[in-house]
Amino acid sequence: MTAFLSVFITIFIAELGDKTQIAAALFAAEGDRPAWLVFLATSAALVASAGAAVLLGGAAGRFVQGPTLKIIAGVAFIVIGALMIRGALKGAGAA
């Protein structure tokens, strides 16, 4: 149970204010669909994306050792962040 709570709390806190949460709030706020439908669709999408991440992470963990995997994940976060910043700056320059 401790492992479950550890993962749950970590992911819950990481998702607060995330783009997905904001999108779900906007869908619910529009009012043209029932809140339960937004909740169900959002939950299904999160389960699917988390499932894919767990499968990919499990497969990667069989081929790459923990410390190396953490370095790869860190580099991936930095590269993705840099690409997002670059895209935002290009978009701002075009406006």
PDB file of N, CA and C in Angstrom:
ATOM      1  N   MET A   1       0.820  -1.196   0.000  1.00  0.00           N
ATOM      2  CA  MET A   1       0.000   0.000   0.000  1.00  0.00           C
ATOM      3  C   MET A   1       0.868   1.266   0.000  1.00  0.00           C
ATOM      4  N   THR A   2       2.023   1.196   0.644  1.00  0.00           N
ATOM      5  CA  THR A   2       2.921   2.346   0.679  1.00  0.00           C
ATOM      6  C   THR A   2       3.401   2.697  -0.730  1.00  0.00           C
ATOM      7  N   ALA A   3       3.716   1.683  -1.533  1.00  0.00           N
ATOM      8  CA  ALA A   3       4.163   1.927  -2.905  1.00  0.00           C
ATOM      9  C   ALA A   3       3.052   2.591  -3.712  1.00  0.00           C
ATOM     10  N   PHE A   4       1.820   2.118  -3.538  1.00  0.00           N
ATOM     11  CA  PHE A   4       0.682   2.704  -4.244  1.00  0.00           C
ATOM     12  C   PHE A   4       0.529   4.174  -3.878  1.00  0.00           C
ATOM     13  N   LEU A   5       0.543   4.476  -2.587  1.00  0.00           N
ATOM     14  CA  LEU A   5       0.385   5.862  -2.134  1.00  0.00           C
ATOM     15  C   LEU A   5       1.520   6.748  -2.624  1.00  0.00           C
ATOM     16  N   SER A   6       2.723   6.220  -2.621  1.00  0.00           N
ATOM     17  CA  SER A   6       3.878   6.984  -3.089  1.00  0.00           C
ATOM     18  C   SER A   6       3.708   7.381  -4.553  1.00  0.00           C
ATOM     19  N   VAL A   7       3.336   6.413  -5.388  1.00  0.00           N
ATOM     20  CA  VAL A   7       3.135   6.691  -6.810  1.00  0.00           C
ATOM     21  C   VAL A   7       1.942   7.628  -6.997  1.00  0.00           C
ATOM     22  N   PHE A   8       0.836   7.344  -6.297  1.00  0.00           N
ATOM     23  CA  PHE A   8      -0.377   8.155  -6.425  1.00  0.00           C
ATOM     24  C   PHE A   8      -0.106   9.614  -6.071  1.00  0.00           C
ATOM     25  N   ILE A   9       0.510   9.842  -4.937  1.00  0.00           N
ATOM     26  CA  ILE A   9       0.761  11.214  -4.481  1.00  0.00           C
ATOM     27  C   ILE A   9       1.712  11.941  -5.433  1.00  0.00           C
ATOM     28  N   THR A  10       2.757  11.247  -5.882  1.00  0.00           N
ATOM     29  CA  THR A  10       3.714  11.858  -6.808  1.00  0.00           C
ATOM     30  C   THR A  10       3.037  12.281  -8.108  1.00  0.00           C
ATOM     31  N   ILE A  11       2.269  11.377  -8.705  1.00  0.00           N
ATOM     32  CA  ILE A  11       1.599  11.678  -9.973  1.00  0.00           C
ATOM     33  C   ILE A  11       0.514  12.728  -9.776  1.00  0.00           C
ATOM     34  N   PHE A  12      -0.240  12.628  -8.687  1.00  0.00           N
ATOM     35  CA  PHE A  12      -1.301  13.597  -8.411  1.00  0.00           C
ATOM     36  C   PHE A  12      -0.738  15.012  -8.320  1.00  0.00           C
ATOM     37  N   ILE A  13       0.332  15.176  -7.566  1.00  0.00           N
ATOM     38  CA  ILE A  13       0.947  16.498  -7.410  1.00  0.00           C
ATOM     39  C   ILE A  13       1.540  16.979  -8.736  1.00  0.00           C
ATOM     40  N   ALA A  14       2.167  16.063  -9.481  1.00  0.00           N
ATOM     41  CA  ALA A  14       2.769  16.440 -10.766  1.00  0.00           C
ATOM     42  C   ALA A  14       1.712  16.905 -11.763  1.00  0.00           C
ATOM     43  N   GLU A  15       0.510  16.356 -11.683  1.00  0.00           N
ATOM     44  CA  GLU A  15      -0.544  16.692 -12.638  1.00  0.00           C
ATOM     45  C   GLU A  15      -1.311  17.956 -12.279  1.00  0.00           C
ATOM     46  N   LEU A  16      -1.155  18.468 -11.062  1.00  0.00           N
ATOM     47  CA  LEU A  16      -1.879  19.683 -10.680  1.00  0.00           C
ATOM     48  C   LEU A  16      -1.467  20.840 -11.583  1.00  0.00           C
ATOM     49  N   GLY A  17      -2.444  21.453 -12.211  1.00  0.00           N
ATOM     50  CA  GLY A  17      -2.163  22.579 -13.100  1.00  0.00           C
ATOM     51  C   GLY A  17      -1.602  22.180 -14.448  1.00  0.00           C
ATOM     52  N   ASP A  18      -1.568  20.884 -14.729  1.00  0.00           N
ATOM     53  CA  ASP A  18      -1.053  20.391 -15.998  1.00  0.00           C
ATOM     54  C   ASP A  18      -2.009  20.785 -17.131  1.00  0.00           C
ATOM     55  N   LYS A  19      -1.501  20.777 -18.365  1.00  0.00           N
ATOM     56  CA  LYS A  19      -2.330  21.124 -19.518  1.00  0.00           C
ATOM     57  C   LYS A  19      -3.570  20.243 -19.600  1.00  0.00           C
ATOM     58  N   THR A  20      -3.429  18.966 -19.253  1.00  0.00           N
ATOM     59  CA  THR A  20      -4.562  18.048 -19.307  1.00  0.00           C
ATOM     60  C   THR A  20      -5.649  18.479 -18.333  1.00  0.00           C
ATOM     61  N   GLN A  21      -5.255  18.857 -17.136  1.00  0.00           N
ATOM     62  CA  GLN A  21      -6.226  19.287 -16.132  1.00  0.00           C
ATOM     63  C   GLN A  21      -6.921  20.577 -16.576  1.00  0.00           C
ATOM     64  N   ILE A  22      -6.177  21.481 -17.144  1.00  0.00           N
ATOM     65  CA  ILE A  22      -6.759  22.737 -17.618  1.00  0.00           C
ATOM     66  C   ILE A  22      -7.729  22.466 -18.766  1.00  0.00           C
ATOM     67  N   ALA A  23      -7.349  21.576 -19.682  1.00  0.00           N
ATOM     68  CA  ALA A  23      -8.236  21.227 -20.795  1.00  0.00           C
ATOM     69  C   ALA A  23      -9.523  20.588 -20.283  1.00  0.00           C
ATOM     70  N   ALA A  24      -9.413  19.696 -19.302  1.00  0.00           N
ATOM     71  CA  ALA A  24     -10.603  19.057 -18.731  1.00  0.00           C
ATOM     72  C   ALA A  24     -11.517  20.096 -18.090  1.00  0.00           C
ATOM     73  N   ALA A  25     -10.937  21.049 -17.374  1.00  0.00           N
ATOM     74  CA  ALA A  25     -11.734  22.107 -16.745  1.00  0.00           C
ATOM     75  C   ALA A  25     -12.441  22.952 -17.809  1.00  0.00           C
ATOM     76  N   LEU A  26     -11.741  23.237 -18.901  1.00  0.00           N
ATOM     77  CA  LEU A  26     -12.352  24.027 -19.974  1.00  0.00           C
ATOM     78  C   LEU A  26     -13.492  23.274 -20.645  1.00  0.00           C
ATOM     79  N   PHE A  27     -13.295  21.972 -20.900  1.00  0.00           N
ATOM     80  CA  PHE A  27     -14.374  21.164 -21.477  1.00  0.00           C
ATOM     81  C   PHE A  27     -15.597  21.176 -20.568  1.00  0.00           C
ATOM     82  N   ALA A  28     -15.373  21.027 -19.273  1.00  0.00           N
ATOM     83  CA  ALA A  28     -16.485  21.017 -18.319  1.00  0.00           C
ATOM     84  C   ALA A  28     -17.146  22.393 -18.240  1.00  0.00           C
ATOM     85  N   ALA A  29     -16.357  23.447 -18.329  1.00  0.00           N
ATOM     86  CA  ALA A  29     -16.890  24.804 -18.210  1.00  0.00           C
ATOM     87  C   ALA A  29     -17.726  25.216 -19.419  1.00  0.00           C
ATOM     88  N   GLU A  30     -17.425  24.646 -20.578  1.00  0.00           N
ATOM     89  CA  GLU A  30     -18.181  25.009 -21.781  1.00  0.00           C
ATOM     90  C   GLU A  30     -19.665  24.715 -21.616  1.00  0.00           C
ATOM     91  N   GLY A  31     -19.980  23.665 -20.856  1.00  0.00           N
ATOM     92  CA  GLY A  31     -21.371  23.371 -20.546  1.00  0.00           C
ATOM     93  C   GLY A  31     -22.162  22.687 -21.640  1.00  0.00           C
ATOM     94  N   ASP A  32     -21.560  22.436 -22.811  1.00  0.00           N
ATOM     95  CA  ASP A  32     -22.315  21.767 -23.866  1.00  0.00           C
ATOM     96  C   ASP A  32     -22.229  20.244 -23.776  1.00  0.00           C
ATOM     97  N   ARG A  33     -21.527  19.736 -22.766  1.00  0.00           N
ATOM     98  CA  ARG A  33     -21.473  18.298 -22.497  1.00  0.00           C
ATOM     99  C   ARG A  33     -21.583  18.101 -20.992  1.00  0.00           C
ATOM    100  N   PRO A  34     -22.194  16.994 -20.582  1.00  0.00           N
ATOM    101  CA  PRO A  34     -22.337  16.748 -19.143  1.00  0.00           C
ATOM    102  C   PRO A  34     -20.981  16.554 -18.465  1.00  0.00           C
ATOM    103  N   ALA A  35     -20.871  17.015 -17.226  1.00  0.00           N
ATOM    104  CA  ALA A  35     -19.616  16.903 -16.477  1.00  0.00           C
ATOM    105  C   ALA A  35     -19.184  15.451 -16.336  1.00  0.00           C
ATOM    106  N   TRP A  36     -20.134  14.531 -16.156  1.00  0.00           N
ATOM    107  CA  TRP A  36     -19.775  13.119 -15.997  1.00  0.00           C
ATOM    108  C   TRP A  36     -19.115  12.593 -17.271  1.00  0.00           C
ATOM    109  N   LEU A  37     -19.552  13.085 -18.437  1.00  0.00           N
ATOM    110  CA  LEU A  37     -18.961  12.646 -19.703  1.00  0.00           C
ATOM    111  C   LEU A  37     -17.526  13.160 -19.826  1.00  0.00           C
ATOM    112  N   VAL A  38     -17.311  14.404 -19.437  1.00  0.00           N
ATOM    113  CA  VAL A  38     -15.960  14.975 -19.453  1.00  0.00           C
ATOM    114  C   VAL A  38     -15.066  14.182 -18.508  1.00  0.00           C
ATOM    115  N   PHE A  39     -15.570  13.877 -17.310  1.00  0.00           N
ATOM    116  CA  PHE A  39     -14.800  13.099 -16.337  1.00  0.00           C
ATOM    117  C   PHE A  39     -14.453  11.724 -16.895  1.00  0.00           C
ATOM    118  N   LEU A  40     -15.439  11.039 -17.474  1.00  0.00           N
ATOM    119  CA  LEU A  40     -15.214   9.696 -18.009  1.00  0.00           C
ATOM    120  C   LEU A  40     -14.206   9.715 -19.157  1.00  0.00           C
ATOM    121  N   ALA A  41     -14.377  10.649 -20.089  1.00  0.00           N
ATOM    122  CA  ALA A  41     -13.469  10.726 -21.237  1.00  0.00           C
ATOM    123  C   ALA A  41     -12.054  11.104 -20.804  1.00  0.00           C
ATOM    124  N   THR A  42     -11.956  12.056 -19.884  1.00  0.00           N
ATOM    125  CA  THR A  42     -10.647  12.469 -19.379  1.00  0.00           C
ATOM    126  C   THR A  42      -9.964  11.324 -18.649  1.00  0.00           C
ATOM    127  N   SER A  43     -10.720  10.618 -17.820  1.00  0.00           N
ATOM    128  CA  SER A  43     -10.169   9.481 -17.072  1.00  0.00           C
ATOM    129  C   SER A  43      -9.686   8.388 -18.015  1.00  0.00           C
ATOM    130  N   ALA A  44     -10.488   8.081 -19.037  1.00  0.00           N
ATOM    131  CA  ALA A  44     -10.102   7.044 -20.000  1.00  0.00           C
ATOM    132  C   ALA A  44      -8.823   7.440 -20.744  1.00  0.00           C
ATOM    133  N   ALA A  45      -8.734   8.709 -21.128  1.00  0.00           N
ATOM    134  CA  ALA A  45      -7.536   9.180 -21.831  1.00  0.00           C
ATOM    135  C   ALA A  45      -6.303   9.102 -20.935  1.00  0.00           C
ATOM    136  N   LEU A  46      -6.455   9.477 -19.664  1.00  0.00           N
ATOM    137  CA  LEU A  46      -5.322   9.417 -18.736  1.00  0.00           C
ATOM    138  C   LEU A  46      -4.896   7.981 -18.469  1.00  0.00           C
ATOM    139  N   VAL A  47      -5.873   7.072 -18.344  1.00  0.00           N
ATOM    140  CA  VAL A  47      -5.541   5.658 -18.140  1.00  0.00           C
ATOM    141  C   VAL A  47      -4.789   5.120 -19.354  1.00  0.00           C
ATOM    142  N   ALA A  48      -5.253   5.470 -20.555  1.00  0.00           N
ATOM    143  CA  ALA A  48      -4.587   4.996 -21.771  1.00  0.00           C
ATOM    144  C   ALA A  48      -3.160   5.538 -21.883  1.00  0.00           C
ATOM    145  N   SER A  49      -2.978   6.832 -21.627  1.00  0.00           N
ATOM    146  CA  SER A  49      -1.632   7.400 -21.748  1.00  0.00           C
ATOM    147  C   SER A  49      -0.710   6.888 -20.643  1.00  0.00           C
ATOM    148  N   ALA A  50      -1.241   6.723 -19.436  1.00  0.00           N
ATOM    149  CA  ALA A  50      -0.423   6.173 -18.348  1.00  0.00           C
ATOM    150  C   ALA A  50      -0.070   4.720 -18.632  1.00  0.00           C
ATOM    151  N   GLY A  51      -1.017   3.972 -19.181  1.00  0.00           N
ATOM    152  CA  GLY A  51      -0.749   2.573 -19.534  1.00  0.00           C
ATOM    153  C   GLY A  51       0.372   2.458 -20.553  1.00  0.00           C
ATOM    154  N   ALA A  52       0.337   3.318 -21.558  1.00  0.00           N
ATOM    155  CA  ALA A  52       1.398   3.313 -22.567  1.00  0.00           C
ATOM    156  C   ALA A  52       2.742   3.658 -21.932  1.00  0.00           C
ATOM    157  N   ALA A  53       2.743   4.639 -21.034  1.00  0.00           N
ATOM    158  CA  ALA A  53       3.991   5.038 -20.367  1.00  0.00           C
ATOM    159  C   ALA A  53       4.538   3.913 -19.503  1.00  0.00           C
ATOM    160  N   VAL A  54       3.653   3.220 -18.784  1.00  0.00           N
ATOM    161  CA  VAL A  54       4.091   2.116 -17.925  1.00  0.00           C
ATOM    162  C   VAL A  54       4.645   0.971 -18.768  1.00  0.00           C
ATOM    163  N   LEU A  55       3.983   0.644 -19.870  1.00  0.00           N
ATOM    164  CA  LEU A  55       4.481  -0.423 -20.750  1.00  0.00           C
ATOM    165  C   LEU A  55       5.840  -0.054 -21.340  1.00  0.00           C
ATOM    166  N   LEU A  56       5.969   1.175 -21.814  1.00  0.00           N
ATOM    167  CA  LEU A  56       7.237   1.632 -22.384  1.00  0.00           C
ATOM    168  C   LEU A  56       8.327   1.659 -21.322  1.00  0.00           C
ATOM    169  N   GLY A  57       7.994   2.173 -20.137  1.00  0.00           N
ATOM    170  CA  GLY A  57       8.970   2.220 -19.049  1.00  0.00           C
ATOM    171  C   GLY A  57       9.393   0.838 -18.593  1.00  0.00           C
ATOM    172  N   GLY A  58       8.426  -0.087 -18.531  1.00  0.00           N
ATOM    173  CA  GLY A  58       8.750  -1.460 -18.147  1.00  0.00           C
ATOM    174  C   GLY A  58       9.677  -2.123 -19.154  1.00  0.00           C
ATOM    175  N   ALA A  59       9.403  -1.887 -20.440  1.00  0.00           N
ATOM    176  CA  ALA A  59      10.262  -2.456 -21.483  1.00  0.00           C
ATOM    177  C   ALA A  59      11.653  -1.833 -21.429  1.00  0.00           C
ATOM    178  N   ALA A  60      11.715  -0.518 -21.260  1.00  0.00           N
ATOM    179  CA  ALA A  60      13.011   0.163 -21.193  1.00  0.00           C
ATOM    180  C   ALA A  60      13.806  -0.305 -19.984  1.00  0.00           C
ATOM    181  N   GLY A  61      13.113  -0.553 -18.876  1.00  0.00           N
ATOM    182  CA  GLY A  61      13.776  -0.997 -17.655  1.00  0.00           C
ATOM    183  C   GLY A  61      14.431  -2.359 -17.777  1.00  0.00           C
ATOM    184  N   ARG A  62      13.967  -3.165 -18.718  1.00  0.00           N
ATOM    185  CA  ARG A  62      14.583  -4.479 -18.930  1.00  0.00           C
ATOM    186  C   ARG A  62      15.902  -4.374 -19.693  1.00  0.00           C
ATOM    187  N   PHE A  63      16.082  -3.281 -20.436  1.00  0.00           N
ATOM    188  CA  PHE A  63      17.267  -3.134 -21.268  1.00  0.00           C
ATOM    189  C   PHE A  63      18.280  -2.124 -20.733  1.00  0.00           C
ATOM    190  N   VAL A  64      17.823  -1.195 -19.900  1.00  0.00           N
ATOM    191  CA  VAL A  64      18.684  -0.118 -19.411  1.00  0.00           C
ATOM    192  C   VAL A  64      18.627  -0.098 -17.890  1.00  0.00           C
ATOM    193  N   GLN A  65      19.783   0.024 -17.241  1.00  0.00           N
ATOM    194  CA  GLN A  65      19.843   0.049 -15.780  1.00  0.00           C
ATOM    195  C   GLN A  65      19.275   1.356 -15.222  1.00  0.00           C
ATOM    196  N   GLY A  66      18.807   1.330 -13.974  1.00  0.00           N
ATOM    197  CA  GLY A  66      18.157   2.457 -13.310  1.00  0.00           C
ATOM    198  C   GLY A  66      18.847   3.800 -13.449  1.00  0.00           C
ATOM    199  N   PRO A  67      20.119   3.931 -13.042  1.00  0.00           N
ATOM    200  CA  PRO A  67      20.783   5.241 -13.134  1.00  0.00           C
ATOM    201  C   PRO A  67      20.859   5.764 -14.570  1.00  0.00           C
ATOM    202  N   THR A  68      21.151   4.890 -15.519  1.00  0.00           N
ATOM    203  CA  THR A  68      21.224   5.298 -16.924  1.00  0.00           C
ATOM    204  C   THR A  68      19.854   5.726 -17.419  1.00  0.00           C
ATOM    205  N   LEU A  69      18.825   4.995 -17.009  1.00  0.00           N
ATOM    206  CA  LEU A  69      17.456   5.323 -17.403  1.00  0.00           C
ATOM    207  C   LEU A  69      17.053   6.699 -16.867  1.00  0.00           C
ATOM    208  N   LYS A  70      17.483   7.017 -15.649  1.00  0.00           N
ATOM    209  CA  LYS A  70      17.181   8.331 -15.069  1.00  0.00           C
ATOM    210  C   LYS A  70      17.880   9.444 -15.850  1.00  0.00           C
ATOM    211  N   ILE A  71      19.096   9.190 -16.283  1.00  0.00           N
ATOM    212  CA  ILE A  71      19.830  10.183 -17.080  1.00  0.00           C
ATOM    213  C   ILE A  71      19.132  10.386 -18.424  1.00  0.00           C
ATOM    214  N   ILE A  72      18.736   9.289 -19.059  1.00  0.00           N
ATOM    215  CA  ILE A  72      18.035   9.382 -20.344  1.00  0.00           C
ATOM    216  C   ILE A  72      16.736  10.162 -20.176  1.00  0.00           C
ATOM    217  N   ALA A  73      15.984   9.875 -19.112  1.00  0.00           N
ATOM    218  CA  ALA A  73      14.723  10.586 -18.863  1.00  0.00           C
ATOM    219  C   ALA A  73      14.978  12.067 -18.624  1.00  0.00           C
ATOM    220  N   GLY A  74      16.018  12.391 -17.865  1.00  0.00           N
ATOM    221  CA  GLY A  74      16.353  13.791 -17.606  1.00  0.00           C
ATOM    222  C   GLY A  74      16.720  14.533 -18.871  1.00  0.00           C
ATOM    223  N   VAL A  75      17.532  13.904 -19.709  1.00  0.00           N
ATOM    224  CA  VAL A  75      17.922  14.522 -20.979  1.00  0.00           C
ATOM    225  C   VAL A  75      16.688  14.707 -21.867  1.00  0.00           C
ATOM    226  N   ALA A  76      15.806  13.701 -21.888  1.00  0.00           N
ATOM    227  CA  ALA A  76      14.584  13.806 -22.692  1.00  0.00           C
ATOM    228  C   ALA A  76      13.731  14.984 -22.229  1.00  0.00           C
ATOM    229  N   PHE A  77      13.584  15.161 -20.912  1.00  0.00           N
ATOM    230  CA  PHE A  77      12.821  16.294 -20.384  1.00  0.00           C
ATOM    231  C   PHE A  77      13.437  17.616 -20.828  1.00  0.00           C
ATOM    232  N   ILE A  78      14.753  17.717 -20.751  1.00  0.00           N
ATOM    233  CA  ILE A  78      15.437  18.958 -21.137  1.00  0.00           C
ATOM    234  C   ILE A  78      15.259  19.231 -22.626  1.00  0.00           C
ATOM    235  N   VAL A  79      15.428  18.201 -23.457  1.00  0.00           N
ATOM    236  CA  VAL A  79      15.287  18.368 -24.904  1.00  0.00           C
ATOM    237  C   VAL A  79      13.858  18.772 -25.257  1.00  0.00           C
ATOM    238  N   ILE A  80      12.875  18.082 -24.678  1.00  0.00           N
ATOM    239  CA  ILE A  80      11.473  18.411 -24.960  1.00  0.00           C
ATOM    240  C   ILE A  80      11.166  19.839 -24.505  1.00  0.00           C
ATOM    241  N   GLY A  81      11.650  20.209 -23.329  1.00  0.00           N
ATOM    242  CA  GLY A  81      11.445  21.573 -22.833  1.00  0.00           C
ATOM    243  C   GLY A  81      12.068  22.606 -23.749  1.00  0.00           C
ATOM    244  N   ALA A  82      13.288  22.333 -24.199  1.00  0.00           N
ATOM    245  CA  ALA A  82      13.973  23.261 -25.105  1.00  0.00           C
ATOM    246  C   ALA A  82      13.216  23.395 -26.426  1.00  0.00           C
ATOM    247  N   LEU A  83      12.710  22.280 -26.941  1.00  0.00           N
ATOM    248  CA  LEU A  83      11.942  22.326 -28.191  1.00  0.00           C
ATOM    249  C   LEU A  83      10.642  23.109 -28.012  1.00  0.00           C
ATOM    250  N   MET A  84      10.010  22.952 -26.858  1.00  0.00           N
ATOM    251  CA  MET A  84       8.774  23.696 -26.591  1.00  0.00           C
ATOM    252  C   MET A  84       9.057  25.196 -26.483  1.00  0.00           C
ATOM    253  N   ILE A  85      10.141  25.543 -25.801  1.00  0.00           N
ATOM    254  CA  ILE A  85      10.515  26.960 -25.682  1.00  0.00           C
ATOM    255  C   ILE A  85      10.850  27.527 -27.058  1.00  0.00           C
ATOM    256  N   ARG A  86      11.599  26.763 -27.840  1.00  0.00           N
ATOM    257  CA  ARG A  86      11.957  27.200 -29.192  1.00  0.00           C
ATOM    258  C   ARG A  86      10.706  27.437 -30.035  1.00  0.00           C
ATOM    259  N   GLY A  87       9.758  26.493 -29.957  1.00  0.00           N
ATOM    260  CA  GLY A  87       8.509  26.650 -30.706  1.00  0.00           C
ATOM    261  C   GLY A  87       7.720  27.866 -30.254  1.00  0.00           C
ATOM    262  N   ALA A  88       7.697  28.106 -28.945  1.00  0.00           N
ATOM    263  CA  ALA A  88       6.976  29.270 -28.419  1.00  0.00           C
ATOM    264  C   ALA A  88       7.631  30.568 -28.874  1.00  0.00           C
ATOM    265  N   LEU A  89       8.956  30.594 -28.879  1.00  0.00           N
ATOM    266  CA  LEU A  89       9.667  31.799 -29.314  1.00  0.00           C
ATOM    267  C   LEU A  89       9.467  32.052 -30.803  1.00  0.00           C
ATOM    268  N   LYS A  90       9.458  30.987 -31.596  1.00  0.00           N
ATOM    269  CA  LYS A  90       9.205  31.141 -33.029  1.00  0.00           C
ATOM    270  C   LYS A  90       7.796  31.660 -33.262  1.00  0.00           C
ATOM    271  N   GLY A  91       6.844  31.118 -32.487  1.00  0.00           N
ATOM    272  CA  GLY A  91       5.453  31.562 -32.608  1.00  0.00           C
ATOM    273  C   GLY A  91       5.287  33.009 -32.202  1.00  0.00           C
ATOM    274  N   ALA A  92       6.008  33.430 -31.177  1.00  0.00           N
ATOM    275  CA  ALA A  92       5.928  34.816 -30.711  1.00  0.00           C
ATOM    276  C   ALA A  92       6.557  35.761 -31.732  1.00  0.00           C
ATOM    277  N   GLY A  93       7.588  35.288 -32.406  1.00  0.00           N
ATOM    278  CA  GLY A  93       8.252  36.112 -33.413  1.00  0.00           C
ATOM    279  C   GLY A  93       7.404  36.295 -34.661  1.00  0.00           C
ATOM    280  N   ALA A  94       6.550  35.315 -34.941  1.00  0.00           N
ATOM    281  CA  ALA A  94       5.705  35.381 -36.130  1.00  0.00           C
ATOM    282  C   ALA A  94       4.488  36.268 -35.914  1.00  0.00           C
ATOM    283  N   ALA A  95       4.154  36.516 -34.656  1.00  0.00           N
ATOM    284  CA  ALA A  95       2.933  37.290 -34.365  1.00  0.00           C
ATOM    285  C   ALA A  95       3.122  38.767 -34.552  1.00  0.00           C
TER     286      ALA A  95
END
